[in-house]
Amino acid sequence: MFGAFRPTLVAQGGLLWKNPFRMSATRKANVRKRLREVDQVIATLADSGVQCKALDQAKALPKEAEMHPRDKYTVFSGTSRGLRKSLHKVPKFTKKTQRTSPEGF
């Protein structure tokens, strides 16, 4: 029990990733800041005259100030209970352009 092969907490069923249940106010502020930075990059590219399909799709997305809080801090997930998943459980959210929910969600 106390030798080199003693069981660790993970091996005994402990949590491997310690994700909190709710997002803290600091995390929410950081999400808003990142969304505003992405909006600024999209606006800069649009003003520079660059044209491409991805930029047109990005310009069609709502800005951070126009987004509903539900869409700001959660994303649609067909596999999770309640069909919404908190952003701090989604890796690299700002690299994904999922700012709107499907119709009815």
PDB file of N, CA and C in Angstrom:
ATOM      1  N   MET A   1       0.817  -1.199   0.000  1.00  0.00           N
ATOM      2  CA  MET A   1       0.000   0.000   0.000  1.00  0.00           C
ATOM      3  C   MET A   1       0.855   1.254   0.000  1.00  0.00           C
ATOM      4  N   PHE A   2       1.997   1.237   0.678  1.00  0.00           N
ATOM      5  CA  PHE A   2       2.828   2.424   0.761  1.00  0.00           C
ATOM      6  C   PHE A   2       4.105   2.296  -0.064  1.00  0.00           C
ATOM      7  N   GLY A   3       4.188   1.307  -0.945  1.00  0.00           N
ATOM      8  CA  GLY A   3       5.386   1.090  -1.743  1.00  0.00           C
ATOM      9  C   GLY A   3       5.373   1.907  -3.022  1.00  0.00           C
ATOM     10  N   ALA A   4       6.162   1.461  -3.984  1.00  0.00           N
ATOM     11  CA  ALA A   4       6.299   2.181  -5.240  1.00  0.00           C
ATOM     12  C   ALA A   4       5.040   2.090  -6.093  1.00  0.00           C
ATOM     13  N   PHE A   5       4.194   1.076  -5.845  1.00  0.00           N
ATOM     14  CA  PHE A   5       3.021   0.853  -6.676  1.00  0.00           C
ATOM     15  C   PHE A   5       1.720   1.197  -5.955  1.00  0.00           C
ATOM     16  N   ARG A   6       1.778   2.221  -5.121  1.00  0.00           N
ATOM     17  CA  ARG A   6       0.568   2.596  -4.401  1.00  0.00           C
ATOM     18  C   ARG A   6      -0.417   3.258  -5.376  1.00  0.00           C
ATOM     19  N   PRO A   7      -1.705   3.058  -5.188  1.00  0.00           N
ATOM     20  CA  PRO A   7      -2.693   3.618  -6.121  1.00  0.00           C
ATOM     21  C   PRO A   7      -2.764   5.142  -5.993  1.00  0.00           C
ATOM     22  N   THR A   8      -2.911   5.801  -7.125  1.00  0.00           N
ATOM     23  CA  THR A   8      -3.043   7.251  -7.119  1.00  0.00           C
ATOM     24  C   THR A   8      -4.526   7.618  -7.080  1.00  0.00           C
ATOM     25  N   LEU A   9      -4.799   8.899  -6.900  1.00  0.00           N
ATOM     26  CA  LEU A   9      -6.191   9.354  -6.849  1.00  0.00           C
ATOM     27  C   LEU A   9      -6.891   9.121  -8.182  1.00  0.00           C
ATOM     28  N   VAL A  10      -6.180   9.315  -9.287  1.00  0.00           N
ATOM     29  CA  VAL A  10      -6.790   9.112 -10.591  1.00  0.00           C
ATOM     30  C   VAL A  10      -7.135   7.640 -10.778  1.00  0.00           C
ATOM     31  N   ALA A  11      -6.244   6.774 -10.368  1.00  0.00           N
ATOM     32  CA  ALA A  11      -6.493   5.346 -10.509  1.00  0.00           C
ATOM     33  C   ALA A  11      -7.651   4.894  -9.622  1.00  0.00           C
ATOM     34  N   GLN A  12      -7.902   5.624  -8.552  1.00  0.00           N
ATOM     35  CA  GLN A  12      -8.999   5.265  -7.658  1.00  0.00           C
ATOM     36  C   GLN A  12     -10.308   5.954  -8.045  1.00  0.00           C
ATOM     37  N   GLY A  13     -10.364   6.571  -9.191  1.00  0.00           N
ATOM     38  CA  GLY A  13     -11.612   7.171  -9.658  1.00  0.00           C
ATOM     39  C   GLY A  13     -11.732   8.648  -9.379  1.00  0.00           C
ATOM     40  N   GLY A  14     -10.641   9.329  -9.091  1.00  0.00           N
ATOM     41  CA  GLY A  14     -10.676  10.768  -8.859  1.00  0.00           C
ATOM     42  C   GLY A  14     -10.849  11.520 -10.168  1.00  0.00           C
ATOM     43  N   LEU A  15     -11.119  12.801 -10.076  1.00  0.00           N
ATOM     44  CA  LEU A  15     -11.294  13.625 -11.269  1.00  0.00           C
ATOM     45  C   LEU A  15      -9.959  13.848 -11.947  1.00  0.00           C
ATOM     46  N   LEU A  16      -9.931  13.672 -13.249  1.00  0.00           N
ATOM     47  CA  LEU A  16      -8.717  13.937 -13.996  1.00  0.00           C
ATOM     48  C   LEU A  16      -8.655  15.401 -14.407  1.00  0.00           C
ATOM     49  N   TRP A  17      -9.771  15.940 -14.895  1.00  0.00           N
ATOM     50  CA  TRP A  17      -9.846  17.349 -15.267  1.00  0.00           C
ATOM     51  C   TRP A  17     -10.772  18.052 -14.284  1.00  0.00           C
ATOM     52  N   LYS A  18     -10.285  19.085 -13.672  1.00  0.00           N
ATOM     53  CA  LYS A  18     -11.061  19.774 -12.651  1.00  0.00           C
ATOM     54  C   LYS A  18     -11.764  20.985 -13.268  1.00  0.00           C
ATOM     55  N   ASN A  19     -12.818  20.741 -14.015  1.00  0.00           N
ATOM     56  CA  ASN A  19     -13.615  21.818 -14.594  1.00  0.00           C
ATOM     57  C   ASN A  19     -14.711  22.212 -13.620  1.00  0.00           C
ATOM     58  N   PRO A  20     -14.828  23.499 -13.315  1.00  0.00           N
ATOM     59  CA  PRO A  20     -15.910  23.909 -12.415  1.00  0.00           C
ATOM     60  C   PRO A  20     -17.265  23.776 -13.091  1.00  0.00           C
ATOM     61  N   PHE A  21     -18.299  23.705 -12.283  1.00  0.00           N
ATOM     62  CA  PHE A  21     -19.653  23.530 -12.806  1.00  0.00           C
ATOM     63  C   PHE A  21     -20.115  24.772 -13.543  1.00  0.00           C
ATOM     64  N   ARG A  22     -19.849  25.948 -12.967  1.00  0.00           N
ATOM     65  CA  ARG A  22     -20.249  27.220 -13.575  1.00  0.00           C
ATOM     66  C   ARG A  22     -19.029  28.010 -14.001  1.00  0.00           C
ATOM     67  N   MET A  23     -19.252  28.915 -14.936  1.00  0.00           N
ATOM     68  CA  MET A  23     -18.181  29.823 -15.334  1.00  0.00           C
ATOM     69  C   MET A  23     -18.098  30.964 -14.327  1.00  0.00           C
ATOM     70  N   SER A  24     -16.881  31.311 -13.954  1.00  0.00           N
ATOM     71  CA  SER A  24     -16.699  32.420 -13.032  1.00  0.00           C
ATOM     72  C   SER A  24     -16.861  33.744 -13.773  1.00  0.00           C
ATOM     73  N   ALA A  25     -16.978  34.809 -13.039  1.00  0.00           N
ATOM     74  CA  ALA A  25     -17.118  36.140 -13.647  1.00  0.00           C
ATOM     75  C   ALA A  25     -15.874  36.499 -14.449  1.00  0.00           C
ATOM     76  N   THR A  26     -14.703  36.065 -13.984  1.00  0.00           N
ATOM     77  CA  THR A  26     -13.462  36.337 -14.706  1.00  0.00           C
ATOM     78  C   THR A  26     -13.442  35.612 -16.040  1.00  0.00           C
ATOM     79  N   ARG A  27     -13.871  34.361 -16.046  1.00  0.00           N
ATOM     80  CA  ARG A  27     -13.912  33.607 -17.300  1.00  0.00           C
ATOM     81  C   ARG A  27     -14.910  34.228 -18.279  1.00  0.00           C
ATOM     82  N   LYS A  28     -16.041  34.669 -17.777  1.00  0.00           N
ATOM     83  CA  LYS A  28     -17.020  35.312 -18.643  1.00  0.00           C
ATOM     84  C   LYS A  28     -16.451  36.605 -19.232  1.00  0.00           C
ATOM     85  N   ALA A  29     -15.750  37.371 -18.429  1.00  0.00           N
ATOM     86  CA  ALA A  29     -15.134  38.603 -18.926  1.00  0.00           C
ATOM     87  C   ALA A  29     -14.092  38.290 -19.991  1.00  0.00           C
ATOM     88  N   ASN A  30     -13.329  37.230 -19.795  1.00  0.00           N
ATOM     89  CA  ASN A  30     -12.325  36.848 -20.786  1.00  0.00           C
ATOM     90  C   ASN A  30     -12.976  36.392 -22.085  1.00  0.00           C
ATOM     91  N   VAL A  31     -14.110  35.715 -22.002  1.00  0.00           N
ATOM     92  CA  VAL A  31     -14.841  35.293 -23.202  1.00  0.00           C
ATOM     93  C   VAL A  31     -15.305  36.518 -23.968  1.00  0.00           C
ATOM     94  N   ARG A  32     -15.889  37.495 -23.257  1.00  0.00           N
ATOM     95  CA  ARG A  32     -16.337  38.721 -23.913  1.00  0.00           C
ATOM     96  C   ARG A  32     -15.176  39.460 -24.576  1.00  0.00           C
ATOM     97  N   LYS A  33     -14.044  39.495 -23.887  1.00  0.00           N
ATOM     98  CA  LYS A  33     -12.869  40.167 -24.434  1.00  0.00           C
ATOM     99  C   LYS A  33     -12.384  39.474 -25.706  1.00  0.00           C
ATOM    100  N   ARG A  34     -12.329  38.137 -25.689  1.00  0.00           N
ATOM    101  CA  ARG A  34     -11.895  37.406 -26.877  1.00  0.00           C
ATOM    102  C   ARG A  34     -12.862  37.597 -28.037  1.00  0.00           C
ATOM    103  N   LEU A  35     -14.161  37.600 -27.745  1.00  0.00           N
ATOM    104  CA  LEU A  35     -15.144  37.819 -28.807  1.00  0.00           C
ATOM    105  C   LEU A  35     -14.992  39.216 -29.420  1.00  0.00           C
ATOM    106  N   ARG A  36     -14.746  40.221 -28.574  1.00  0.00           N
ATOM    107  CA  ARG A  36     -14.537  41.579 -29.084  1.00  0.00           C
ATOM    108  C   ARG A  36     -13.269  41.662 -29.935  1.00  0.00           C
ATOM    109  N   GLU A  37     -12.215  40.938 -29.524  1.00  0.00           N
ATOM    110  CA  GLU A  37     -10.984  40.935 -30.312  1.00  0.00           C
ATOM    111  C   GLU A  37     -11.197  40.284 -31.673  1.00  0.00           C
ATOM    112  N   VAL A  38     -11.973  39.199 -31.706  1.00  0.00           N
ATOM    113  CA  VAL A  38     -12.283  38.555 -32.979  1.00  0.00           C
ATOM    114  C   VAL A  38     -13.099  39.507 -33.850  1.00  0.00           C
ATOM    115  N   ASP A  39     -14.058  40.216 -33.250  1.00  0.00           N
ATOM    116  CA  ASP A  39     -14.845  41.196 -34.004  1.00  0.00           C
ATOM    117  C   ASP A  39     -13.951  42.281 -34.601  1.00  0.00           C
ATOM    118  N   GLN A  40     -12.946  42.694 -33.833  1.00  0.00           N
ATOM    119  CA  GLN A  40     -12.035  43.737 -34.304  1.00  0.00           C
ATOM    120  C   GLN A  40     -11.200  43.229 -35.480  1.00  0.00           C
ATOM    121  N   VAL A  41     -10.745  41.993 -35.434  1.00  0.00           N
ATOM    122  CA  VAL A  41      -9.974  41.420 -36.539  1.00  0.00           C
ATOM    123  C   VAL A  41     -10.837  41.317 -37.795  1.00  0.00           C
ATOM    124  N   ILE A  42     -12.091  40.886 -37.625  1.00  0.00           N
ATOM    125  CA  ILE A  42     -13.002  40.777 -38.776  1.00  0.00           C
ATOM    126  C   ILE A  42     -13.237  42.153 -39.386  1.00  0.00           C
ATOM    127  N   ALA A  43     -13.429  43.161 -38.559  1.00  0.00           N
ATOM    128  CA  ALA A  43     -13.652  44.523 -39.064  1.00  0.00           C
ATOM    129  C   ALA A  43     -12.417  45.052 -39.780  1.00  0.00           C
ATOM    130  N   THR A  44     -11.236  44.756 -39.256  1.00  0.00           N
ATOM    131  CA  THR A  44      -9.997  45.208 -39.881  1.00  0.00           C
ATOM    132  C   THR A  44      -9.812  44.571 -41.253  1.00  0.00           C
ATOM    133  N   LEU A  45     -10.085  43.267 -41.329  1.00  0.00           N
ATOM    134  CA  LEU A  45      -9.966  42.580 -42.616  1.00  0.00           C
ATOM    135  C   LEU A  45     -10.993  43.088 -43.622  1.00  0.00           C
ATOM    136  N   ALA A  46     -12.201  43.355 -43.142  1.00  0.00           N
ATOM    137  CA  ALA A  46     -13.245  43.852 -44.041  1.00  0.00           C
ATOM    138  C   ALA A  46     -12.886  45.237 -44.572  1.00  0.00           C
ATOM    139  N   ASP A  47     -12.268  46.075 -43.735  1.00  0.00           N
ATOM    140  CA  ASP A  47     -11.884  47.427 -44.161  1.00  0.00           C
ATOM    141  C   ASP A  47     -10.690  47.416 -45.105  1.00  0.00           C
ATOM    142  N   SER A  48      -9.871  46.375 -45.032  1.00  0.00           N
ATOM    143  CA  SER A  48      -8.669  46.331 -45.864  1.00  0.00           C
ATOM    144  C   SER A  48      -8.969  45.963 -47.314  1.00  0.00           C
ATOM    145  N   GLY A  49     -10.162  45.477 -47.583  1.00  0.00           N
ATOM    146  CA  GLY A  49     -10.536  45.154 -48.951  1.00  0.00           C
ATOM    147  C   GLY A  49     -10.365  43.690 -49.314  1.00  0.00           C
ATOM    148  N   VAL A  50      -9.974  42.861 -48.374  1.00  0.00           N
ATOM    149  CA  VAL A  50      -9.820  41.430 -48.635  1.00  0.00           C
ATOM    150  C   VAL A  50     -11.208  40.818 -48.828  1.00  0.00           C
ATOM    151  N   GLN A  51     -11.331  39.931 -49.809  1.00  0.00           N
ATOM    152  CA  GLN A  51     -12.608  39.270 -50.054  1.00  0.00           C
ATOM    153  C   GLN A  51     -12.386  37.773 -50.139  1.00  0.00           C
ATOM    154  N   CYS A  52     -13.140  37.046 -49.344  1.00  0.00           N
ATOM    155  CA  CYS A  52     -13.131  35.586 -49.411  1.00  0.00           C
ATOM    156  C   CYS A  52     -14.418  35.080 -48.750  1.00  0.00           C
ATOM    157  N   LYS A  53     -14.700  33.824 -48.988  1.00  0.00           N
ATOM    158  CA  LYS A  53     -15.956  33.251 -48.494  1.00  0.00           C
ATOM    159  C   LYS A  53     -15.990  33.223 -46.964  1.00  0.00           C
ATOM    160  N   ALA A  54     -14.860  32.870 -46.339  1.00  0.00           N
ATOM    161  CA  ALA A  54     -14.807  32.788 -44.879  1.00  0.00           C
ATOM    162  C   ALA A  54     -15.036  34.153 -44.242  1.00  0.00           C
ATOM    163  N   LEU A  55     -14.496  35.199 -44.864  1.00  0.00           N
ATOM    164  CA  LEU A  55     -14.687  36.543 -44.325  1.00  0.00           C
ATOM    165  C   LEU A  55     -16.141  36.984 -44.472  1.00  0.00           C
ATOM    166  N   ASP A  56     -16.766  36.629 -45.586  1.00  0.00           N
ATOM    167  CA  ASP A  56     -18.188  36.954 -45.765  1.00  0.00           C
ATOM    168  C   ASP A  56     -19.046  36.259 -44.715  1.00  0.00           C
ATOM    169  N   GLN A  57     -18.732  35.009 -44.406  1.00  0.00           N
ATOM    170  CA  GLN A  57     -19.467  34.285 -43.368  1.00  0.00           C
ATOM    171  C   GLN A  57     -19.220  34.906 -42.001  1.00  0.00           C
ATOM    172  N   ALA A  58     -17.985  35.334 -41.736  1.00  0.00           N
ATOM    173  CA  ALA A  58     -17.657  35.933 -40.445  1.00  0.00           C
ATOM    174  C   ALA A  58     -18.344  37.285 -40.278  1.00  0.00           C
ATOM    175  N   LYS A  59     -18.471  38.047 -41.370  1.00  0.00           N
ATOM    176  CA  LYS A  59     -19.147  39.344 -41.280  1.00  0.00           C
ATOM    177  C   LYS A  59     -20.642  39.179 -41.013  1.00  0.00           C
ATOM    178  N   ALA A  60     -21.208  38.045 -41.408  1.00  0.00           N
ATOM    179  CA  ALA A  60     -22.633  37.803 -41.196  1.00  0.00           C
ATOM    180  C   ALA A  60     -22.949  37.427 -39.754  1.00  0.00           C
ATOM    181  N   LEU A  61     -21.934  37.054 -38.973  1.00  0.00           N
ATOM    182  CA  LEU A  61     -22.162  36.673 -37.576  1.00  0.00           C
ATOM    183  C   LEU A  61     -22.493  37.899 -36.735  1.00  0.00           C
ATOM    184  N   PRO A  62     -23.253  37.722 -35.648  1.00  0.00           N
ATOM    185  CA  PRO A  62     -23.535  38.864 -34.770  1.00  0.00           C
ATOM    186  C   PRO A  62     -22.293  39.283 -33.993  1.00  0.00           C
ATOM    187  N   LYS A  63     -22.208  40.551 -33.682  1.00  0.00           N
ATOM    188  CA  LYS A  63     -21.092  41.059 -32.883  1.00  0.00           C
ATOM    189  C   LYS A  63     -21.312  40.690 -31.414  1.00  0.00           C
ATOM    190  N   GLU A  64     -20.294  40.860 -30.617  1.00  0.00           N
ATOM    191  CA  GLU A  64     -20.371  40.486 -29.198  1.00  0.00           C
ATOM    192  C   GLU A  64     -21.478  41.247 -28.493  1.00  0.00           C
ATOM    193  N   ALA A  65     -21.645  42.522 -28.789  1.00  0.00           N
ATOM    194  CA  ALA A  65     -22.662  43.331 -28.119  1.00  0.00           C
ATOM    195  C   ALA A  65     -24.075  42.938 -28.539  1.00  0.00           C
ATOM    196  N   GLU A  66     -24.215  42.346 -29.734  1.00  0.00           N
ATOM    197  CA  GLU A  66     -25.532  41.964 -30.235  1.00  0.00           C
ATOM    198  C   GLU A  66     -25.946  40.564 -29.799  1.00  0.00           C
ATOM    199  N   MET A  67     -25.026  39.803 -29.251  1.00  0.00           N
ATOM    200  CA  MET A  67     -25.312  38.410 -28.903  1.00  0.00           C
ATOM    201  C   MET A  67     -26.127  38.304 -27.621  1.00  0.00           C
ATOM    202  N   HIS A  68     -27.012  37.333 -27.573  1.00  0.00           N
ATOM    203  CA  HIS A  68     -27.766  37.001 -26.373  1.00  0.00           C
ATOM    204  C   HIS A  68     -26.805  36.328 -25.385  1.00  0.00           C
ATOM    205  N   PRO A  69     -26.937  36.573 -24.080  1.00  0.00           N
ATOM    206  CA  PRO A  69     -26.019  35.936 -23.121  1.00  0.00           C
ATOM    207  C   PRO A  69     -25.987  34.410 -23.226  1.00  0.00           C
ATOM    208  N   ARG A  70     -27.120  33.815 -23.569  1.00  0.00           N
ATOM    209  CA  ARG A  70     -27.149  32.358 -23.713  1.00  0.00           C
ATOM    210  C   ARG A  70     -26.198  31.912 -24.825  1.00  0.00           C
ATOM    211  N   ASP A  71     -26.155  32.683 -25.916  1.00  0.00           N
ATOM    212  CA  ASP A  71     -25.262  32.336 -27.016  1.00  0.00           C
ATOM    213  C   ASP A  71     -23.821  32.741 -26.726  1.00  0.00           C
ATOM    214  N   LYS A  72     -23.651  33.708 -25.842  1.00  0.00           N
ATOM    215  CA  LYS A  72     -22.301  34.167 -25.518  1.00  0.00           C
ATOM    216  C   LYS A  72     -21.543  33.146 -24.673  1.00  0.00           C
ATOM    217  N   TYR A  73     -22.228  32.513 -23.745  1.00  0.00           N
ATOM    218  CA  TYR A  73     -21.547  31.654 -22.775  1.00  0.00           C
ATOM    219  C   TYR A  73     -21.830  30.167 -22.953  1.00  0.00           C
ATOM    220  N   THR A  74     -22.723  29.797 -23.860  1.00  0.00           N
ATOM    221  CA  THR A  74     -22.987  28.387 -24.114  1.00  0.00           C
ATOM    222  C   THR A  74     -23.058  28.164 -25.620  1.00  0.00           C
ATOM    223  N   VAL A  75     -22.888  26.903 -26.023  1.00  0.00           N
ATOM    224  CA  VAL A  75     -23.019  26.533 -27.426  1.00  0.00           C
ATOM    225  C   VAL A  75     -24.005  25.381 -27.526  1.00  0.00           C
ATOM    226  N   PHE A  76     -24.587  25.229 -28.702  1.00  0.00           N
ATOM    227  CA  PHE A  76     -25.501  24.119 -28.926  1.00  0.00           C
ATOM    228  C   PHE A  76     -24.702  22.829 -29.009  1.00  0.00           C
ATOM    229  N   SER A  77     -25.177  21.811 -28.309  1.00  0.00           N
ATOM    230  CA  SER A  77     -24.545  20.498 -28.352  1.00  0.00           C
ATOM    231  C   SER A  77     -25.650  19.453 -28.342  1.00  0.00           C
ATOM    232  N   GLY A  78     -25.765  18.702 -29.405  1.00  0.00           N
ATOM    233  CA  GLY A  78     -26.833  17.715 -29.518  1.00  0.00           C
ATOM    234  C   GLY A  78     -26.694  16.555 -28.556  1.00  0.00           C
ATOM    235  N   THR A  79     -25.483  16.341 -28.017  1.00  0.00           N
ATOM    236  CA  THR A  79     -25.262  15.195 -27.136  1.00  0.00           C
ATOM    237  C   THR A  79     -25.410  15.527 -25.661  1.00  0.00           C
ATOM    238  N   SER A  80     -25.322  16.794 -25.284  1.00  0.00           N
ATOM    239  CA  SER A  80     -25.389  17.121 -23.865  1.00  0.00           C
ATOM    240  C   SER A  80     -26.830  17.285 -23.406  1.00  0.00           C
ATOM    241  N   ARG A  81     -27.041  17.106 -22.114  1.00  0.00           N
ATOM    242  CA  ARG A  81     -28.374  17.239 -21.550  1.00  0.00           C
ATOM    243  C   ARG A  81     -28.803  18.693 -21.624  1.00  0.00           C
ATOM    244  N   GLY A  82     -29.990  18.943 -22.075  1.00  0.00           N
ATOM    245  CA  GLY A  82     -30.477  20.308 -22.239  1.00  0.00           C
ATOM    246  C   GLY A  82     -30.044  20.927 -23.555  1.00  0.00           C
ATOM    247  N   LEU A  83     -29.271  20.210 -24.343  1.00  0.00           N
ATOM    248  CA  LEU A  83     -28.797  20.609 -25.662  1.00  0.00           C
ATOM    249  C   LEU A  83     -27.915  21.854 -25.647  1.00  0.00           C
ATOM    250  N   ARG A  84     -27.423  22.273 -24.502  1.00  0.00           N
ATOM    251  CA  ARG A  84     -26.486  23.388 -24.409  1.00  0.00           C
ATOM    252  C   ARG A  84     -25.260  22.921 -23.641  1.00  0.00           C
ATOM    253  N   LYS A  85     -24.101  23.444 -24.014  1.00  0.00           N
ATOM    254  CA  LYS A  85     -22.857  23.106 -23.321  1.00  0.00           C
ATOM    255  C   LYS A  85     -22.146  24.403 -22.978  1.00  0.00           C
ATOM    256  N   SER A  86     -21.621  24.486 -21.774  1.00  0.00           N
ATOM    257  CA  SER A  86     -20.945  25.690 -21.338  1.00  0.00           C
ATOM    258  C   SER A  86     -19.640  25.875 -22.112  1.00  0.00           C
ATOM    259  N   LEU A  87     -19.267  27.126 -22.363  1.00  0.00           N
ATOM    260  CA  LEU A  87     -18.099  27.408 -23.183  1.00  0.00           C
ATOM    261  C   LEU A  87     -16.804  26.921 -22.572  1.00  0.00           C
ATOM    262  N   HIS A  88     -16.713  26.904 -21.246  1.00  0.00           N
ATOM    263  CA  HIS A  88     -15.449  26.491 -20.666  1.00  0.00           C
ATOM    264  C   HIS A  88     -15.222  24.988 -20.815  1.00  0.00           C
ATOM    265  N   LYS A  89     -16.204  24.271 -21.334  1.00  0.00           N
ATOM    266  CA  LYS A  89     -16.035  22.851 -21.624  1.00  0.00           C
ATOM    267  C   LYS A  89     -15.739  22.601 -23.103  1.00  0.00           C
ATOM    268  N   VAL A  90     -15.721  23.671 -23.930  1.00  0.00           N
ATOM    269  CA  VAL A  90     -15.473  23.541 -25.367  1.00  0.00           C
ATOM    270  C   VAL A  90     -14.065  24.041 -25.653  1.00  0.00           C
ATOM    271  N   PRO A  91     -13.185  23.185 -26.198  1.00  0.00           N
ATOM    272  CA  PRO A  91     -11.833  23.667 -26.489  1.00  0.00           C
ATOM    273  C   PRO A  91     -11.818  24.608 -27.683  1.00  0.00           C
ATOM    274  N   LYS A  92     -11.042  25.673 -27.566  1.00  0.00           N
ATOM    275  CA  LYS A  92     -10.803  26.624 -28.652  1.00  0.00           C
ATOM    276  C   LYS A  92     -12.098  27.181 -29.224  1.00  0.00           C
ATOM    277  N   PHE A  93     -12.956  27.706 -28.367  1.00  0.00           N
ATOM    278  CA  PHE A  93     -14.258  28.201 -28.819  1.00  0.00           C
ATOM    279  C   PHE A  93     -14.132  29.336 -29.818  1.00  0.00           C
ATOM    280  N   THR A  94     -13.221  30.279 -29.569  1.00  0.00           N
ATOM    281  CA  THR A  94     -13.160  31.449 -30.440  1.00  0.00           C
ATOM    282  C   THR A  94     -12.639  31.106 -31.823  1.00  0.00           C
ATOM    283  N   LYS A  95     -11.993  29.957 -31.984  1.00  0.00           N
ATOM    284  CA  LYS A  95     -11.564  29.543 -33.318  1.00  0.00           C
ATOM    285  C   LYS A  95     -12.727  28.965 -34.104  1.00  0.00           C
ATOM    286  N   LYS A  96     -13.807  28.586 -33.414  1.00  0.00           N
ATOM    287  CA  LYS A  96     -15.003  28.090 -34.069  1.00  0.00           C
ATOM    288  C   LYS A  96     -15.978  29.251 -34.192  1.00  0.00           C
ATOM    289  N   THR A  97     -16.618  29.360 -35.315  1.00  0.00           N
ATOM    290  CA  THR A  97     -17.536  30.489 -35.513  1.00  0.00           C
ATOM    291  C   THR A  97     -18.960  30.022 -35.282  1.00  0.00           C
ATOM    292  N   GLN A  98     -19.209  29.559 -34.087  1.00  0.00           N
ATOM    293  CA  GLN A  98     -20.549  29.095 -33.731  1.00  0.00           C
ATOM    294  C   GLN A  98     -21.166  30.128 -32.783  1.00  0.00           C
ATOM    295  N   ARG A  99     -21.560  31.254 -33.317  1.00  0.00           N
ATOM    296  CA  ARG A  99     -22.127  32.306 -32.479  1.00  0.00           C
ATOM    297  C   ARG A  99     -23.635  32.293 -32.483  1.00  0.00           C
ATOM    298  N   THR A 100     -24.227  31.504 -33.321  1.00  0.00           N
ATOM    299  CA  THR A 100     -25.692  31.440 -33.361  1.00  0.00           C
ATOM    300  C   THR A 100     -26.132  30.010 -33.112  1.00  0.00           C
ATOM    301  N   SER A 101     -27.310  29.867 -32.581  1.00  0.00           N
ATOM    302  CA  SER A 101     -27.871  28.560 -32.312  1.00  0.00           C
ATOM    303  C   SER A 101     -28.763  28.138 -33.468  1.00  0.00           C
ATOM    304  N   PRO A 102     -29.013  26.847 -33.602  1.00  0.00           N
ATOM    305  CA  PRO A 102     -29.994  26.417 -34.613  1.00  0.00           C
ATOM    306  C   PRO A 102     -31.378  26.971 -34.268  1.00  0.00           C
ATOM    307  N   GLU A 103     -32.266  26.966 -35.223  1.00  0.00           N
ATOM    308  CA  GLU A 103     -33.612  27.494 -35.000  1.00  0.00           C
ATOM    309  C   GLU A 103     -34.293  26.742 -33.873  1.00  0.00           C
ATOM    310  N   GLY A 104     -34.866  27.453 -32.922  1.00  0.00           N
ATOM    311  CA  GLY A 104     -35.608  26.844 -31.827  1.00  0.00           C
ATOM    312  C   GLY A 104     -34.773  26.529 -30.607  1.00  0.00           C
ATOM    313  N   PHE A 105     -33.468  26.790 -30.634  1.00  0.00           N
ATOM    314  CA  PHE A 105     -32.620  26.489 -29.481  1.00  0.00           C
ATOM    315  C   PHE A 105     -31.892  27.740 -29.037  1.00  0.00           C
TER     316      PHE A 105
END
